[in-house]
């Protein structure tokens, strides 16, 4: 019913992943695969804004988490008619 797209530029995402240690096969591809996936989600979000919520993920984790909680809460209240 709801897709949360955590939108982050590929360079920032790769930098964060590098800080975690080892990269898996997909992460090792650099911006190729990840960039294509992100573009696909941006396209879906544009076509289905009622279903796909875009959250800017290039911020502090706490800010992103708060935004996600608020967006999900808004959707749940709407479904329940509150």
C-alpha atoms as a PDB file:
ATOM      1  CA  UNK A   1       0.000   0.000   0.000  1.00  0.00           C
ATOM      2  CA  UNK A   2       2.908   2.346   0.640  1.00  0.00           C
ATOM      3  CA  UNK A   3       6.468   2.450  -0.617  1.00  0.00           C
ATOM      4  CA  UNK A   4       8.988   4.664   1.143  1.00  0.00           C
ATOM      5  CA  UNK A   5      11.727   5.695  -1.280  1.00  0.00           C
ATOM      6  CA  UNK A   6      14.786   6.876   0.636  1.00  0.00           C
ATOM      7  CA  UNK A   7      16.230   9.201  -1.974  1.00  0.00           C
ATOM      8  CA  UNK A   8      19.957   9.798  -1.653  1.00  0.00           C
ATOM      9  CA  UNK A   9      22.586  10.663  -4.208  1.00  0.00           C
ATOM     10  CA  UNK A  10      24.732   7.707  -5.160  1.00  0.00           C
ATOM     11  CA  UNK A  11      27.992   9.296  -4.028  1.00  0.00           C
ATOM     12  CA  UNK A  12      26.681   9.864  -0.492  1.00  0.00           C
ATOM     13  CA  UNK A  13      25.233   6.358  -0.367  1.00  0.00           C
ATOM     14  CA  UNK A  14      28.528   4.821  -1.473  1.00  0.00           C
ATOM     15  CA  UNK A  15      30.425   6.916   1.050  1.00  0.00           C
ATOM     16  CA  UNK A  16      28.169   5.694   3.850  1.00  0.00           C
ATOM     17  CA  UNK A  17      28.508   2.105   2.700  1.00  0.00           C
ATOM     18  CA  UNK A  18      32.300   2.406   2.607  1.00  0.00           C
ATOM     19  CA  UNK A  19      32.211   3.399   6.258  1.00  0.00           C
ATOM     20  CA  UNK A  20      30.598   0.064   7.113  1.00  0.00           C
ATOM     21  CA  UNK A  21      33.498  -2.045   5.918  1.00  0.00           C
ATOM     22  CA  UNK A  22      33.169  -4.493   3.058  1.00  0.00           C
ATOM     23  CA  UNK A  23      30.931  -3.952   0.029  1.00  0.00           C
ATOM     24  CA  UNK A  24      28.777  -6.643  -1.499  1.00  0.00           C
ATOM     25  CA  UNK A  25      28.604  -7.394  -5.216  1.00  0.00           C
ATOM     26  CA  UNK A  26      25.974  -4.743  -5.963  1.00  0.00           C
ATOM     27  CA  UNK A  27      27.651  -2.081  -3.852  1.00  0.00           C
ATOM     28  CA  UNK A  28      30.971  -2.826  -5.537  1.00  0.00           C
ATOM     29  CA  UNK A  29      29.441  -1.900  -8.895  1.00  0.00           C
ATOM     30  CA  UNK A  30      29.707   1.744  -7.874  1.00  0.00           C
ATOM     31  CA  UNK A  31      27.115   4.135  -9.177  1.00  0.00           C
ATOM     32  CA  UNK A  32      26.018   1.982 -12.135  1.00  0.00           C
ATOM     33  CA  UNK A  33      23.429  -0.324 -10.638  1.00  0.00           C
ATOM     34  CA  UNK A  34      22.540   1.913  -7.701  1.00  0.00           C
ATOM     35  CA  UNK A  35      22.037   4.896  -9.998  1.00  0.00           C
ATOM     36  CA  UNK A  36      19.716   2.923 -12.276  1.00  0.00           C
ATOM     37  CA  UNK A  37      17.679   1.665  -9.320  1.00  0.00           C
ATOM     38  CA  UNK A  38      17.359   5.182  -7.896  1.00  0.00           C
ATOM     39  CA  UNK A  39      16.208   6.543 -11.255  1.00  0.00           C
ATOM     40  CA  UNK A  40      13.637   3.760 -11.482  1.00  0.00           C
ATOM     41  CA  UNK A  41      12.221   4.649  -8.073  1.00  0.00           C
ATOM     42  CA  UNK A  42      12.171   8.364  -8.931  1.00  0.00           C
ATOM     43  CA  UNK A  43      10.178   7.514 -12.041  1.00  0.00           C
ATOM     44  CA  UNK A  44       7.743   5.358 -10.049  1.00  0.00           C
ATOM     45  CA  UNK A  45       7.341   8.107  -7.449  1.00  0.00           C
ATOM     46  CA  UNK A  46       6.484  10.568 -10.198  1.00  0.00           C
ATOM     47  CA  UNK A  47       3.920   8.235 -11.740  1.00  0.00           C
ATOM     48  CA  UNK A  48       2.391   7.050  -8.449  1.00  0.00           C
ATOM     49  CA  UNK A  49       2.686   9.816  -5.837  1.00  0.00           C
ATOM     50  CA  UNK A  50      -0.283   8.400  -3.947  1.00  0.00           C
ATOM     51  CA  UNK A  51       1.629   5.159  -3.327  1.00  0.00           C
ATOM     52  CA  UNK A  52       5.327   6.087  -3.349  1.00  0.00           C
ATOM     53  CA  UNK A  53       6.500   8.569  -0.742  1.00  0.00           C
ATOM     54  CA  UNK A  54       9.915  10.089  -1.318  1.00  0.00           C
ATOM     55  CA  UNK A  55      12.007  10.933   1.731  1.00  0.00           C
ATOM     56  CA  UNK A  56      15.275  12.794   1.354  1.00  0.00           C
ATOM     57  CA  UNK A  57      17.841  10.470   2.939  1.00  0.00           C
ATOM     58  CA  UNK A  58      20.959  12.622   2.635  1.00  0.00           C
ATOM     59  CA  UNK A  59      20.327  14.064   6.099  1.00  0.00           C
ATOM     60  CA  UNK A  60      21.099  12.824   9.595  1.00  0.00           C
ATOM     61  CA  UNK A  61      19.654   9.387  10.309  1.00  0.00           C
ATOM     62  CA  UNK A  62      17.474  10.770  13.111  1.00  0.00           C
ATOM     63  CA  UNK A  63      15.939  13.348  10.757  1.00  0.00           C
ATOM     64  CA  UNK A  64      15.235  10.732   8.109  1.00  0.00           C
ATOM     65  CA  UNK A  65      13.680   8.364  10.664  1.00  0.00           C
ATOM     66  CA  UNK A  66      11.444  11.149  12.009  1.00  0.00           C
ATOM     67  CA  UNK A  67      10.299  12.015   8.491  1.00  0.00           C
ATOM     68  CA  UNK A  68       9.507   8.360   7.725  1.00  0.00           C
ATOM     69  CA  UNK A  69       7.520   7.979  10.960  1.00  0.00           C
ATOM     70  CA  UNK A  70       5.527  11.122  10.169  1.00  0.00           C
ATOM     71  CA  UNK A  71       4.782  10.030   6.602  1.00  0.00           C
ATOM     72  CA  UNK A  72       3.709   6.546   7.661  1.00  0.00           C
ATOM     73  CA  UNK A  73       1.593   8.000  10.490  1.00  0.00           C
ATOM     74  CA  UNK A  74      -0.130  10.351   8.070  1.00  0.00           C
ATOM     75  CA  UNK A  75      -0.927   7.455   5.748  1.00  0.00           C
ATOM     76  CA  UNK A  76      -2.231   5.239   8.559  1.00  0.00           C
ATOM     77  CA  UNK A  77      -4.475   8.035   9.867  1.00  0.00           C
ATOM     78  CA  UNK A  78      -5.810   8.613   6.351  1.00  0.00           C
ATOM     79  CA  UNK A  79      -6.609   4.926   5.913  1.00  0.00           C
ATOM     80  CA  UNK A  80      -8.368   4.812   9.260  1.00  0.00           C
ATOM     81  CA  UNK A  81     -10.263   7.997   8.472  1.00  0.00           C
ATOM     82  CA  UNK A  82      -8.784   9.954  11.343  1.00  0.00           C
END
